[in-house]
Protein backbone atom coordinates (compact mmCIF):
# COMPACT_ATOMS: atom_id res chain seq x y z
CA MET A 1 89.66 131.76 72.05
CA ILE A 2 88.87 135.39 71.56
CA ASP A 3 90.07 138.77 72.73
CA ALA A 4 87.26 138.91 75.21
CA GLY A 5 88.22 142.31 76.56
CA ARG A 6 88.90 144.22 73.36
CA GLY A 7 86.25 142.89 71.00
CA GLY A 8 88.08 143.71 67.78
CA GLY A 9 91.36 144.96 66.34
CA PRO A 10 93.83 143.19 64.15
CA ALA A 11 93.66 139.43 64.05
CA THR A 12 97.17 139.10 65.38
CA GLY A 13 96.12 140.92 68.53
CA HIS A 14 93.89 138.04 69.54
CA ALA A 15 96.59 135.42 70.17
CA TRP A 16 97.83 136.35 73.66
CA PRO A 17 94.41 137.34 75.04
CA ALA A 18 93.04 134.04 73.75
CA PHE A 19 95.80 132.03 75.40
CA ARG A 20 95.51 134.09 78.60
CA THR A 21 91.81 133.40 78.84
CA ALA A 22 92.40 129.68 78.27
CA LEU A 23 94.90 129.58 81.12
CA ALA A 24 92.57 131.46 83.45
CA MET A 25 89.68 129.14 82.67
CA GLY A 26 91.94 126.11 83.01
CA LEU A 27 93.22 127.11 86.45
CA ALA A 28 89.70 127.94 87.59
CA ALA A 29 88.36 124.62 86.30
CA GLY A 30 91.27 122.83 87.95
CA PHE A 31 90.61 124.40 91.35
CA VAL A 32 86.93 123.45 91.07
CA GLU A 33 87.91 119.86 90.19
CA MET A 34 90.28 119.69 93.14
CA LEU A 35 87.53 120.85 95.51
CA LEU A 36 85.05 118.38 94.01
CA LEU A 37 87.60 115.60 94.50
CA VAL A 38 88.06 116.57 98.16
CA ALA A 39 84.30 116.64 98.68
CA ARG A 40 83.83 113.24 97.05
CA VAL A 41 86.55 111.51 99.04
CA GLU A 42 85.99 113.19 102.41
CA LEU A 43 82.21 113.44 102.44
CA GLN A 44 81.04 110.54 100.29
CA GLU A 45 83.70 107.82 100.29
CA GLY A 46 85.85 108.33 103.36
CA GLY A 47 88.66 106.55 101.53
CA PHE A 48 91.88 107.36 99.67
CA PHE A 49 92.60 110.09 97.15
CA LEU A 50 94.96 107.68 95.35
CA ARG A 51 97.17 110.59 94.38
CA SER A 52 100.24 112.34 95.66
CA ARG A 53 99.43 114.55 98.62
CA HIS A 54 100.60 117.36 96.34
CA PHE A 55 97.34 116.88 94.43
CA VAL A 56 96.07 120.25 95.72
CA TRP A 57 98.28 121.95 93.15
CA MET A 58 98.86 119.05 90.76
CA VAL A 59 95.18 118.76 89.76
CA PRO A 60 94.87 122.46 88.81
CA ALA A 61 98.24 122.25 87.05
CA SER A 62 97.07 119.24 85.03
CA VAL A 63 93.84 120.92 83.95
CA ALA A 64 95.71 124.13 83.15
CA ALA A 65 98.13 122.17 80.95
CA ILE A 66 95.22 120.68 79.01
CA PHE A 67 93.68 124.12 78.61
CA ALA A 68 97.05 125.51 77.49
CA GLY A 69 96.93 123.07 74.60
CA LEU A 70 93.41 124.15 73.79
CA GLY A 71 94.50 127.76 74.13
CA ALA A 72 97.20 127.30 71.53
CA VAL A 73 94.54 126.09 69.12
CA GLY A 74 92.21 128.85 70.26
CA ALA A 75 94.82 131.50 69.56
CA VAL A 76 94.79 130.42 65.91
CA ALA A 77 91.02 130.06 65.78
CA ALA A 78 90.62 133.54 67.26
CA ARG A 79 91.57 134.93 63.87
CA GLY A 80 88.37 133.48 62.44
CA GLY A 81 84.84 134.70 62.81
CA ASP A 82 82.42 134.55 65.69
CA ARG A 83 81.44 130.97 64.88
CA ALA A 84 85.03 129.73 65.28
CA ARG A 85 85.37 131.66 68.52
CA ARG A 86 82.18 130.14 69.91
CA LEU A 87 83.51 126.68 69.04
CA VAL A 88 86.67 127.40 70.98
CA LEU A 89 84.67 128.65 73.94
CA GLY A 90 82.56 125.50 73.73
CA SER A 91 85.68 123.34 73.80
CA TYR A 92 86.75 125.02 77.04
CA VAL A 93 83.38 124.43 78.66
CA PHE A 94 83.28 120.85 77.36
CA THR A 95 86.72 120.11 78.79
CA ALA A 96 85.94 121.57 82.21
CA VAL A 97 82.58 119.82 82.59
CA LEU A 98 83.99 116.53 81.30
CA GLY A 99 86.69 116.59 83.98
CA TRP A 100 84.17 117.30 86.71
CA SER A 101 81.78 114.62 85.48
CA LEU A 102 84.51 111.98 85.43
CA LEU A 103 84.71 112.32 89.21
CA VAL A 104 81.21 110.89 89.60
CA ARG A 105 81.48 107.22 90.59
CA GLY A 106 79.56 104.87 88.30
CA LEU A 107 79.23 107.37 85.46
CA GLU A 108 80.79 106.00 82.28
CA ALA A 109 83.14 108.16 80.24
CA VAL A 110 80.72 108.21 77.30
CA ALA A 111 77.92 109.51 79.52
CA CYS A 112 80.26 112.14 80.93
CA GLY A 113 81.11 113.22 77.40
CA LEU A 114 77.45 113.57 76.47
CA ILE A 115 76.74 115.65 79.56
CA ALA A 116 79.71 117.89 78.85
CA LEU A 117 78.67 118.26 75.21
CA GLY A 118 75.18 119.34 76.18
CA VAL A 119 76.44 121.91 78.67
CA ALA A 120 78.97 123.25 76.16
CA TRP A 121 76.30 123.55 73.45
CA ARG A 122 74.21 125.82 75.64
CA ALA A 123 77.04 127.72 77.34
CA ALA A 124 79.15 128.65 74.31
CA PRO A 125 76.67 131.17 72.77
CA TRP A 126 76.03 132.67 76.20
CA LEU A 127 79.76 133.18 76.83
CA GLY A 128 80.28 134.41 73.26
CA ALA A 129 77.80 137.20 73.84
CA ARG A 130 79.77 138.28 76.91
CA ARG A 131 83.24 138.42 75.44
CA GLU A 132 84.22 141.72 77.00
CA GLY A 133 83.24 140.64 80.52
CA LEU A 134 85.05 137.33 80.08
CA GLY A 135 88.14 139.19 78.95
CA ARG A 136 88.09 141.49 81.97
CA TRP A 137 87.68 138.46 84.24
CA ALA A 138 90.71 136.79 82.63
CA ASP A 139 92.78 139.99 82.99
CA ARG A 140 92.08 140.14 86.71
CA GLY A 141 91.62 136.47 87.49
CA LEU A 142 94.73 134.93 85.95
CA PRO A 143 97.21 136.74 88.24
CA ALA A 144 95.12 135.86 91.30
CA LEU A 145 94.81 132.21 90.25
CA ALA A 146 98.53 132.04 89.50
CA VAL A 147 99.33 133.43 92.96
CA ALA A 148 96.98 130.88 94.55
CA MET A 149 98.72 128.12 92.61
CA ALA A 150 102.16 129.35 93.68
CA CYS A 151 101.03 129.44 97.32
CA LEU A 152 99.76 125.84 97.15
CA VAL A 153 103.01 124.66 95.54
CA ALA A 154 105.10 126.47 98.14
CA ALA A 155 102.97 125.21 101.04
CA SER A 156 103.19 121.62 99.80
CA PHE A 157 106.97 121.60 99.45
CA LEU A 158 107.48 123.53 102.68
CA ARG A 159 105.45 120.88 104.51
CA ASP A 160 107.73 118.20 103.04
CA ALA A 161 110.82 120.15 104.09
CA ARG A 162 109.49 120.75 107.60
CA GLU A 163 108.74 117.06 108.12
CA ALA A 164 112.14 116.05 106.76
CA ALA A 165 113.88 118.40 109.19
CA TRP A 166 111.66 117.66 112.20
CA ARG A 167 113.42 116.26 115.20
CA ARG A 168 112.33 115.97 118.79
CA VAL A 169 114.48 118.24 120.93
CA GLY A 170 117.04 116.41 123.01
CA PRO A 171 117.54 112.79 121.96
CA VAL A 172 120.81 111.84 120.36
CA PRO A 173 121.33 108.22 119.31
CA PRO A 174 123.97 106.41 121.36
CA PRO A 175 127.37 105.80 119.72
CA ALA A 176 126.57 102.11 119.30
CA ALA A 177 123.33 102.82 117.39
CA ARG A 178 123.14 101.18 113.98
CA ASN A 179 121.35 102.02 110.78
CA VAL A 180 118.35 99.85 109.96
CA LEU A 181 117.25 99.16 106.39
CA LEU A 182 114.01 97.22 105.96
CA ILE A 183 113.39 96.00 102.41
CA VAL A 184 109.98 94.45 101.77
CA LEU A 185 109.61 92.53 98.53
CA ASP A 186 105.95 92.90 97.63
CA THR A 187 104.27 89.64 96.55
CA VAL A 188 107.26 87.31 96.90
CA ARG A 189 106.58 83.74 98.05
CA ALA A 190 109.41 81.83 99.67
CA ASP A 191 109.16 78.58 97.72
CA ARG A 192 109.85 80.29 94.36
CA LEU A 193 113.27 81.49 95.46
CA SER A 194 116.47 79.57 94.77
CA LEU A 195 117.44 80.82 98.22
CA HIS A 196 114.95 78.27 99.58
CA GLY A 197 115.74 75.44 97.21
CA TYR A 198 113.65 76.30 94.16
CA ASP A 199 114.99 74.44 91.10
CA ARG A 200 115.22 77.64 89.02
CA ASP A 201 117.95 80.12 89.84
CA THR A 202 115.56 83.00 90.42
CA THR A 203 117.48 84.73 93.22
CA PRO A 204 121.26 84.31 92.91
CA HIS A 205 121.96 87.69 94.54
CA LEU A 206 119.64 86.99 97.46
CA LYS A 207 121.28 83.59 97.88
CA ARG A 208 124.68 85.26 97.98
CA LEU A 209 123.40 87.74 100.56
CA ALA A 210 122.11 84.82 102.63
CA GLY A 211 125.71 83.67 103.11
CA GLU A 212 126.32 86.92 104.98
CA SER A 213 123.06 86.79 106.93
CA THR A 214 120.92 84.81 109.30
CA VAL A 215 118.12 83.20 107.29
CA PHE A 216 114.75 82.24 108.72
CA ALA A 217 113.55 79.28 106.69
CA GLN A 218 110.01 79.22 108.08
CA ALA A 219 108.75 82.81 108.28
CA ARG A 220 105.08 83.72 107.90
CA ALA A 221 103.54 87.10 107.20
CA GLY A 222 100.87 88.44 109.53
CA ALA A 223 98.40 88.61 106.63
CA SER A 224 98.27 87.67 102.97
CA TRP A 225 97.90 91.15 101.50
CA THR A 226 99.88 94.33 101.68
CA LEU A 227 98.25 96.75 104.11
CA PRO A 228 97.62 94.52 107.15
CA SER A 229 100.92 92.70 106.66
CA HIS A 230 102.94 95.93 106.64
CA ALA A 231 100.91 97.31 109.54
CA THR A 232 101.83 94.26 111.63
CA MET A 233 105.51 94.58 110.69
CA PHE A 234 105.54 98.27 111.64
CA THR A 235 103.68 98.03 114.96
CA GLY A 236 104.23 94.51 116.32
CA ARG A 237 100.48 94.10 116.60
CA TRP A 238 98.26 91.59 114.84
CA PRO A 239 95.99 92.81 112.01
CA GLY A 240 92.91 92.06 114.10
CA GLU A 241 94.22 94.23 116.95
CA LEU A 242 94.76 97.09 114.54
CA ASP A 243 91.40 96.55 112.79
CA VAL A 244 93.18 97.70 109.67
CA GLU A 245 91.35 95.39 107.27
CA ARG A 246 87.93 96.63 108.30
CA ARG A 247 88.95 100.29 108.37
CA GLY A 248 91.14 100.30 105.27
CA TRP A 249 94.09 102.18 106.79
CA LEU A 250 96.34 102.18 109.84
CA ASP A 251 95.10 104.68 112.40
CA ASP A 252 97.33 106.66 114.77
CA VAL A 253 96.67 104.62 117.94
CA ALA A 254 99.47 102.03 117.86
CA PRO A 255 103.03 103.44 117.81
CA THR A 256 105.12 102.45 114.81
CA LEU A 257 108.75 101.47 114.46
CA ALA A 258 109.43 104.66 112.48
CA GLU A 259 107.92 106.81 115.23
CA ARG A 260 109.97 105.10 117.92
CA LEU A 261 113.23 105.54 116.01
CA ARG A 262 112.47 109.09 114.86
CA ASP A 263 111.75 110.14 118.44
CA ALA A 264 115.08 108.56 119.46
CA GLY A 265 116.91 110.91 117.10
CA VAL A 266 117.24 108.54 114.13
CA ASP A 267 116.65 109.86 110.59
CA THR A 268 113.67 108.06 109.02
CA ALA A 269 112.66 107.70 105.38
CA GLY A 270 110.37 105.47 103.33
CA PHE A 271 110.46 104.79 99.58
CA VAL A 272 107.57 102.77 98.20
CA ALA A 273 106.70 101.39 94.79
CA ASN A 274 103.13 100.46 95.76
CA PRO A 275 101.49 103.73 96.78
CA PHE A 276 98.01 102.20 96.63
CA PHE A 277 98.38 100.26 99.90
CA CYS A 278 101.73 101.66 101.13
CA GLY A 279 101.19 105.34 100.40
CA ARG A 280 100.86 108.04 103.05
CA GLU A 281 97.08 107.66 103.02
CA SER A 282 97.42 104.07 104.22
CA GLY A 283 98.87 105.31 107.51
CA LEU A 284 102.11 103.40 106.98
CA GLY A 285 104.04 106.65 106.44
CA ARG A 286 103.54 107.68 110.07
CA GLY A 287 106.89 108.45 111.69
CA PHE A 288 108.85 108.84 108.47
CA GLN A 289 110.37 112.27 107.99
CA VAL A 290 110.69 111.62 104.26
CA TYR A 291 108.15 109.39 102.52
CA ALA A 292 108.31 108.99 98.75
CA ASP A 293 105.19 107.27 97.46
CA TYR A 294 103.75 108.91 94.35
CA PRO A 295 106.47 110.45 92.20
CA ILE A 296 106.32 114.14 91.37
CA THR A 297 107.01 114.05 87.66
CA PRO A 298 105.43 115.79 84.66
CA GLY A 299 103.58 112.58 83.83
CA GLU A 300 102.26 112.20 87.36
CA VAL A 301 101.15 115.84 87.41
CA PHE A 302 99.35 115.43 84.10
CA ARG A 303 97.40 112.34 85.12
CA SER A 304 96.48 113.69 88.55
CA SER A 305 93.31 115.21 87.07
CA ALA A 306 90.41 113.05 85.95
CA LEU A 307 90.74 114.03 82.30
CA GLY A 308 94.54 113.82 82.37
CA TRP A 309 94.26 110.29 83.76
CA LEU A 310 91.75 109.32 81.06
CA LEU A 311 93.93 110.73 78.30
CA ALA A 312 97.09 109.08 79.64
CA ARG A 313 95.37 105.72 80.04
CA SER A 314 93.81 105.91 76.58
CA GLY A 315 97.15 106.80 75.05
CA LEU A 316 98.84 103.91 76.80
CA ARG A 317 96.21 101.45 75.62
CA LEU A 318 96.39 102.76 72.07
CA ALA A 319 100.17 102.45 72.04
CA ALA A 320 99.91 98.91 73.38
CA ALA A 321 97.36 97.95 70.73
CA LEU A 322 99.58 99.32 67.97
CA THR A 323 102.86 97.86 69.19
CA ALA A 324 102.02 94.51 70.84
CA ARG A 325 103.46 91.67 68.84
CA ASP A 326 102.93 88.66 71.08
CA THR A 327 100.34 87.06 73.29
CA ALA A 328 101.90 88.41 76.47
CA GLY A 329 101.17 92.01 75.56
CA SER A 330 103.26 95.04 76.33
CA MET A 331 101.25 97.22 78.69
CA ARG A 332 100.74 97.18 82.42
CA ASP A 333 97.59 98.98 83.56
CA VAL A 334 98.94 98.92 87.09
CA ASP A 335 101.83 101.15 86.01
CA LEU A 336 99.32 103.92 85.37
CA ASP A 337 96.78 103.15 88.08
CA PHE A 338 99.29 102.80 90.91
CA SER A 339 102.04 105.09 89.60
CA ARG A 340 104.22 102.03 89.79
CA LYS A 341 107.98 102.43 90.20
CA ASP A 342 110.46 99.65 89.54
CA ALA A 343 113.05 98.60 92.10
CA ALA A 344 115.81 100.54 90.36
CA THR A 345 113.81 103.77 90.72
CA VAL A 346 113.11 103.12 94.39
CA GLY A 347 116.80 102.36 94.89
CA ARG A 348 117.83 105.62 93.23
CA GLU A 349 115.42 107.57 95.43
CA PHE A 350 116.82 105.92 98.56
CA LEU A 351 120.47 106.35 97.57
CA GLY A 352 119.87 109.97 96.63
CA TRP A 353 118.42 110.61 100.09
CA LEU A 354 121.24 108.66 101.71
CA ASP A 355 123.91 110.71 99.95
CA ARG A 356 122.31 114.01 101.01
CA ARG A 357 121.71 113.29 104.70
CA GLY A 358 123.96 113.95 107.69
CA GLY A 359 125.80 111.56 109.95
CA ARG A 360 123.01 110.35 112.23
CA PRO A 361 121.89 106.71 112.14
CA PHE A 362 118.96 106.11 109.83
CA PHE A 363 115.95 103.85 109.50
CA ALA A 364 114.85 103.40 105.91
CA PHE A 365 111.99 101.33 104.53
CA LEU A 366 111.84 100.22 100.89
CA ASN A 367 108.84 98.54 99.28
CA LEU A 368 109.75 96.86 95.97
CA PHE A 369 106.82 95.99 93.70
CA ASP A 370 108.36 94.28 90.67
CA ALA A 371 107.00 90.78 91.37
CA HIS A 372 103.39 91.98 91.64
CA ASP A 373 100.95 91.19 88.85
CA PRO A 374 100.73 91.45 85.88
CA TYR A 375 104.17 89.77 86.01
CA ILE A 376 105.89 91.74 83.26
CA PRO A 377 109.54 92.49 84.12
CA PRO A 378 110.81 96.07 83.89
CA ALA A 379 112.44 97.23 80.70
CA GLY A 380 115.89 95.81 80.21
CA PHE A 381 115.18 92.41 81.72
CA PRO A 382 114.53 89.71 79.09
CA SER A 383 112.08 86.91 79.66
CA ARG A 384 113.99 83.74 80.55
CA PHE A 385 111.09 81.45 81.34
CA ALA A 386 107.78 82.83 80.03
CA ASP A 387 108.92 82.93 76.39
CA GLY A 388 109.03 79.15 76.42
CA SER A 389 105.44 78.74 77.60
CA PRO A 390 103.05 80.73 75.40
CA PRO A 391 99.53 81.08 76.86
CA ASP A 392 96.22 80.27 75.22
CA THR A 393 94.66 83.62 76.16
CA PRO A 394 95.83 86.53 73.97
CA HIS A 395 97.48 89.40 75.85
CA LEU A 396 97.18 87.39 79.06
CA LEU A 397 99.63 89.43 81.13
CA ARG A 398 98.65 92.78 79.69
CA ASP A 399 95.03 92.18 80.66
CA TRP A 400 95.73 90.13 83.80
CA GLN A 401 93.64 92.28 86.10
CA ARG A 402 90.59 91.92 83.85
CA VAL A 403 90.97 88.25 82.89
CA ASP A 404 88.45 85.81 84.38
CA LYS A 405 90.80 83.57 86.36
CA ALA A 406 88.19 80.78 86.42
CA LYS A 407 88.64 80.42 82.65
CA LEU A 408 92.42 80.14 82.62
CA THR A 409 93.79 77.07 80.90
CA PRO A 410 96.74 75.03 82.22
CA ARG A 411 98.94 76.75 79.62
CA ASP A 412 97.75 80.15 80.86
CA ALA A 413 98.53 79.24 84.45
CA ARG A 414 101.98 77.96 83.50
CA HIS A 415 102.72 81.13 81.54
CA ALA A 416 101.74 83.29 84.53
CA ARG A 417 103.95 81.23 86.85
CA ASP A 418 106.87 81.45 84.44
CA ALA A 419 106.39 85.20 84.02
CA TYR A 420 106.36 85.57 87.81
CA ASP A 421 109.71 83.78 87.94
CA ASP A 422 111.04 86.23 85.34
CA CYS A 423 109.97 89.10 87.60
CA LEU A 424 111.76 87.50 90.54
CA VAL A 425 114.96 87.34 88.50
CA ALA A 426 114.64 91.04 87.64
CA LEU A 427 113.83 91.99 91.21
CA ASP A 428 116.76 89.98 92.53
CA ALA A 429 119.18 91.66 90.12
CA GLN A 430 118.03 95.13 91.18
CA LEU A 431 118.22 94.17 94.86
CA GLY A 432 121.75 92.89 94.30
CA ALA A 433 122.75 96.19 92.66
CA LEU A 434 121.37 98.12 95.63
CA VAL A 435 123.28 95.99 98.12
CA GLU A 436 126.51 96.53 96.19
CA ALA A 437 125.86 100.28 96.06
CA LEU A 438 125.60 100.29 99.86
CA ARG A 439 128.75 98.19 100.12
CA SER A 440 130.70 100.58 97.90
CA ARG A 441 129.60 103.53 100.07
CA GLY A 442 130.85 101.82 103.21
CA VAL A 443 127.32 101.82 104.63
CA LEU A 444 126.42 98.14 104.43
CA ASP A 445 128.49 96.85 107.34
CA ARG A 446 127.16 99.60 109.61
CA THR A 447 123.57 98.71 108.78
CA VAL A 448 121.12 96.10 110.03
CA LEU A 449 119.69 94.91 106.71
CA ILE A 450 116.36 93.07 106.88
CA VAL A 451 114.93 91.59 103.69
CA THR A 452 111.48 90.01 103.73
CA ALA A 453 108.15 90.02 101.88
CA ASP A 454 104.66 91.11 102.84
CA HIS A 455 102.93 88.06 101.32
CA GLY A 456 103.21 85.52 98.55
CA GLU A 457 101.10 84.72 95.49
CA GLN A 458 98.83 81.86 94.57
CA PHE A 459 98.88 80.38 91.06
CA GLY A 460 95.99 77.95 91.19
CA GLU A 461 97.50 75.60 93.79
CA HIS A 462 94.31 75.85 95.83
CA GLY A 463 91.98 76.99 93.09
CA SER A 464 92.70 80.72 93.05
CA PHE A 465 95.14 83.23 91.59
CA GLY A 466 96.51 86.20 93.47
CA HIS A 467 96.78 87.01 97.15
CA GLY A 468 94.59 88.11 100.02
CA LEU A 469 92.52 85.00 99.29
CA SER A 470 93.70 82.39 101.80
CA LEU A 471 96.43 81.60 104.32
CA PHE A 472 97.98 78.63 102.56
CA ASP A 473 101.76 78.79 102.42
CA GLU A 474 101.92 80.04 98.84
CA GLU A 475 100.37 83.26 100.20
CA ALA A 476 101.64 83.36 103.78
CA ARG A 477 105.19 81.94 103.79
CA VAL A 478 107.79 84.58 102.96
CA PRO A 479 111.58 84.97 102.93
CA LEU A 480 113.33 86.61 105.88
CA LEU A 481 117.04 87.47 106.06
CA ILE A 482 118.83 89.62 108.63
CA ARG A 483 122.34 90.82 107.83
CA ALA A 484 123.94 92.48 110.85
CA PRO A 485 127.73 91.97 111.09
CA GLY A 486 128.74 91.28 114.64
CA LEU A 487 125.14 90.71 115.70
CA ALA A 488 123.48 88.15 113.42
CA PRO A 489 125.62 85.07 112.62
CA ALA A 490 126.52 84.88 108.93
CA GLY A 491 125.31 81.73 107.21
CA ARG A 492 123.06 80.65 110.11
CA VAL A 493 119.70 79.10 109.12
CA VAL A 494 116.98 79.28 111.76
CA ALA A 495 114.52 76.43 111.31
CA GLU A 496 112.01 77.52 113.97
CA ASP A 497 108.63 78.87 112.84
CA VAL A 498 108.54 82.66 113.16
CA GLY A 499 106.13 85.45 112.26
CA LEU A 500 106.76 88.94 110.95
CA ARG A 501 104.91 90.31 113.96
CA ASP A 502 108.32 90.19 115.70
CA LEU A 503 110.05 92.30 113.06
CA ALA A 504 109.51 95.68 114.79
CA ALA A 505 110.83 94.42 118.12
CA THR A 506 113.80 92.83 116.34
CA ALA A 507 114.71 95.98 114.42
CA LEU A 508 114.41 98.12 117.55
CA HIS A 509 116.62 95.72 119.51
CA LEU A 510 119.33 95.47 116.84
CA SER A 511 119.36 99.23 116.23
CA ALA A 512 120.49 99.83 119.85
CA ALA A 513 118.49 103.07 119.80
CA ALA A 514 117.25 104.39 123.13
CA ALA A 515 113.56 103.89 122.35
CA PRO A 516 110.60 102.43 124.24
CA PRO A 517 109.83 98.83 123.27
CA LEU A 518 107.24 97.63 120.82
CA PRO A 519 105.10 94.47 121.12
CA GLY A 520 106.64 91.18 120.07
CA ARG A 521 109.94 89.44 120.79
CA SER A 522 113.30 90.06 119.19
CA LEU A 523 114.20 87.29 116.78
CA ALA A 524 117.80 87.74 117.88
CA ARG A 525 116.88 85.41 120.74
CA LEU A 526 116.79 82.56 118.26
CA TRP A 527 120.50 82.81 117.51
CA ASP A 528 121.65 83.54 121.06
CA ASP A 529 123.55 80.95 123.09
CA ALA A 530 120.44 80.39 125.17
CA PRO A 531 117.68 80.78 122.56
CA ALA A 532 114.17 81.74 123.64
CA ALA A 533 110.89 81.29 121.83
CA ALA A 534 109.62 83.81 119.32
CA SER A 535 105.98 84.87 119.06
CA THR A 536 103.58 82.34 117.57
CA ALA A 537 103.68 82.30 113.77
CA PHE A 538 100.11 83.55 113.48
CA SER A 539 98.40 84.99 110.39
CA GLU A 540 94.88 86.21 109.77
CA LEU A 541 92.68 87.37 106.93
CA ARG A 542 89.32 89.04 107.43
CA GLY A 543 88.10 87.84 104.06
CA PRO A 544 89.10 87.84 100.39
CA VAL A 545 90.67 91.21 99.75
CA ASP A 546 88.45 91.88 96.72
CA ASP A 547 85.35 91.48 98.92
CA ARG A 548 86.23 94.30 101.30
CA TYR A 549 84.11 96.77 99.38
CA ALA A 550 81.64 94.29 97.91
CA ARG A 551 80.48 92.98 101.32
CA PRO A 552 79.54 95.95 103.52
CA ASP A 553 77.20 93.63 105.45
CA LEU A 554 80.31 92.11 107.07
CA ASP A 555 81.72 95.41 108.31
CA GLY A 556 80.41 94.90 111.80
CA ALA A 557 81.28 91.21 112.10
CA ASP A 558 84.25 90.33 114.32
CA ASP A 559 84.79 86.97 112.64
CA PRO A 560 83.09 86.89 109.21
CA PRO A 561 82.34 83.45 107.68
CA GLY A 562 84.96 84.09 104.99
CA SER A 563 87.72 84.94 107.44
CA TRP A 564 90.87 82.85 107.95
CA LYS A 565 93.26 82.39 110.85
CA SER A 566 96.34 80.19 110.90
CA VAL A 567 99.24 79.17 113.08
CA VAL A 568 102.33 77.14 112.31
CA VAL A 569 103.59 75.14 115.29
CA ALA A 570 106.50 72.69 115.17
CA GLY A 571 106.08 72.13 111.45
CA TRP A 572 102.29 71.75 111.54
CA SER A 573 100.06 74.26 109.74
CA TYR A 574 96.63 74.75 111.32
CA ILE A 575 93.93 76.82 109.58
CA ARG A 576 90.63 77.87 111.13
CA ARG A 577 87.97 79.56 109.01
CA GLY A 578 85.26 81.90 110.19
CA ASP A 579 82.57 79.33 109.42
CA GLY A 580 84.16 76.88 111.86
CA ARG A 581 86.03 74.63 109.42
CA GLU A 582 89.49 73.48 110.44
CA SER A 583 92.44 72.07 108.50
CA LEU A 584 95.76 70.59 109.61
CA TYR A 585 98.81 69.89 107.46
CA GLU A 586 102.21 68.40 108.21
CA LEU A 587 104.50 70.66 106.20
CA ALA A 588 107.57 68.41 106.11
CA SER A 589 105.75 65.63 104.26
CA ASP A 590 103.08 67.80 102.64
CA PRO A 591 104.50 71.25 101.78
CA GLY A 592 101.72 71.81 99.25
CA GLN A 593 99.09 71.42 102.00
CA ARG A 594 97.04 68.83 100.13
CA ALA A 595 96.41 66.16 102.77
CA ASP A 596 94.23 67.45 105.59
CA ARG A 597 95.18 65.58 108.79
CA ARG A 598 92.56 67.10 111.07
CA ASP A 599 90.67 63.80 111.47
CA ASP A 600 93.81 61.66 111.66
CA PRO A 601 94.13 60.16 115.20
CA ALA A 602 97.92 60.13 114.77
CA ALA A 603 97.83 63.94 114.45
CA ALA A 604 95.57 64.55 117.47
CA ALA A 605 98.40 65.86 119.66
CA ALA A 606 99.55 68.27 116.93
CA LEU A 607 95.97 69.46 116.41
CA ASP A 608 95.55 70.12 120.13
CA SER A 609 98.87 71.99 120.29
CA CYS A 610 97.92 74.19 117.33
CA ARG A 611 94.49 74.95 118.75
CA ARG A 612 96.00 75.99 122.06
CA ALA A 613 98.56 78.18 120.29
CA MET A 614 95.88 79.96 118.28
CA ASP A 615 93.59 80.40 121.27
CA GLY A 616 96.55 81.81 123.16
CA VAL A 617 97.11 84.47 120.50
CA LEU A 618 93.43 85.35 120.34
CA GLY A 619 93.24 85.53 124.09
CA GLU A 620 96.17 87.95 124.34
CA ARG A 621 94.80 90.67 122.13
């Protein structure tokens, strides 16, 4: 850059003014980008920002950091002639306009670059002719912009501190109140766990924990993808009641477990590895005094701006292309897109909060994301299974989100399944380390520990790969363990069919907190001396999760043709689709749900029982 306010003097006198002007322009460009982002999301999309809620200062900080780098170059170039100075000015304009253009949906990066280049070409001579005015603006503007930035930073962290310290006046948890720790293993299907008889030892730590817990062998999630499944667990209401799939987030109508416990004087905190569907914007953070979704790190700050994200992603892809040595690949796009944290990081965040808090009972929620695609274990966990089954498709796991699943070969499918098992091993080891950390702190035996999953994962068993696609057991059946010394019998296996809809009522009951009830029935009834029935194991899916944005014509439909509903009653799985098709499977003899018994006269009584159970659920809500 140039000494815009002095217009001459020794060459060495240009360095600081040049850098100062770059910072001022960077902060100004960053504030404009932040406002454009708010306008796009609030006025045009009505969706998620997909960033930390600290983005109001992180976006300007990211852009300012990029401009600081340009300013360092500009300080050197300022020693040159007017042509060099105009080039530096042009680079500033190009960078600012490129960042703004990248916010336009549907506009490719190359097109954004061409637009920015054209604007810079015309603007650089105009700004060069007004160097003195630009310099005076930087002199006055940089302090004001820096103060504005400091105010946004302070306001953001003060809001966090105020929420963490908030407590309704009056309630004190009773002496018998227990801690509650809910750990949700994202994308973990029950039948791939050695806990449930899988022939690979994928979950030795979970199996060991099961010996201290009550295990529910036939638990079903309320939905087969993250947001509606978590919403049901948190509220005790079915996804259709909450309308969360159609809306895209959990609104503030139905009370949550965290709200109930917080208002009863319990400390509440959430630590999530999947901020895309579990972040604050999803509505799942309601009631948590502390909620750690997107990390606040230098890397996260840098990629919070559009250009920072593009540069970080490009650098990651370049590094992967230069270092990949095998067909699995070595990069996970989802790490960058979702600010993904491994289970060890989530555990450290939780334990750090636990060690800092006071003596009140707590409710903590952990979402662990390690088993989610693209099925590459965190660093430090070798591949035990996938190395023995190389795929046909190069870089299969690295590019999993972009691979056409219809073209996968049997070797590809096997490699993905084996890699998933490797991720389960890594997740289990990190879960085991967390449990032992709680044990060593003397916290474990004073805590109701609930371990479950939000949904499973399909690997071609019914023609698809992923989740949020159907309600077959590979997507809907999940693990469920409750460890509560003195309350839940150790080593007990409950064979009855249960649904995660009852999780909120169960946690509230076992916590012994003085809180109003939530819908559902406590699963503790199933291990009492006089057991009572749990809620129906009901699940629903409005339609394939990837179609939520592609099919706006279905937004107003109560029961779209692609929707699914299912119940499991006395070992029979009944599925009803929105187009009227029905299926019935006897799970004991057909766990893979291959033989449809709907038209079998011998299964007529089971079919009638399942229909009545489903109609009962639909009639209640």
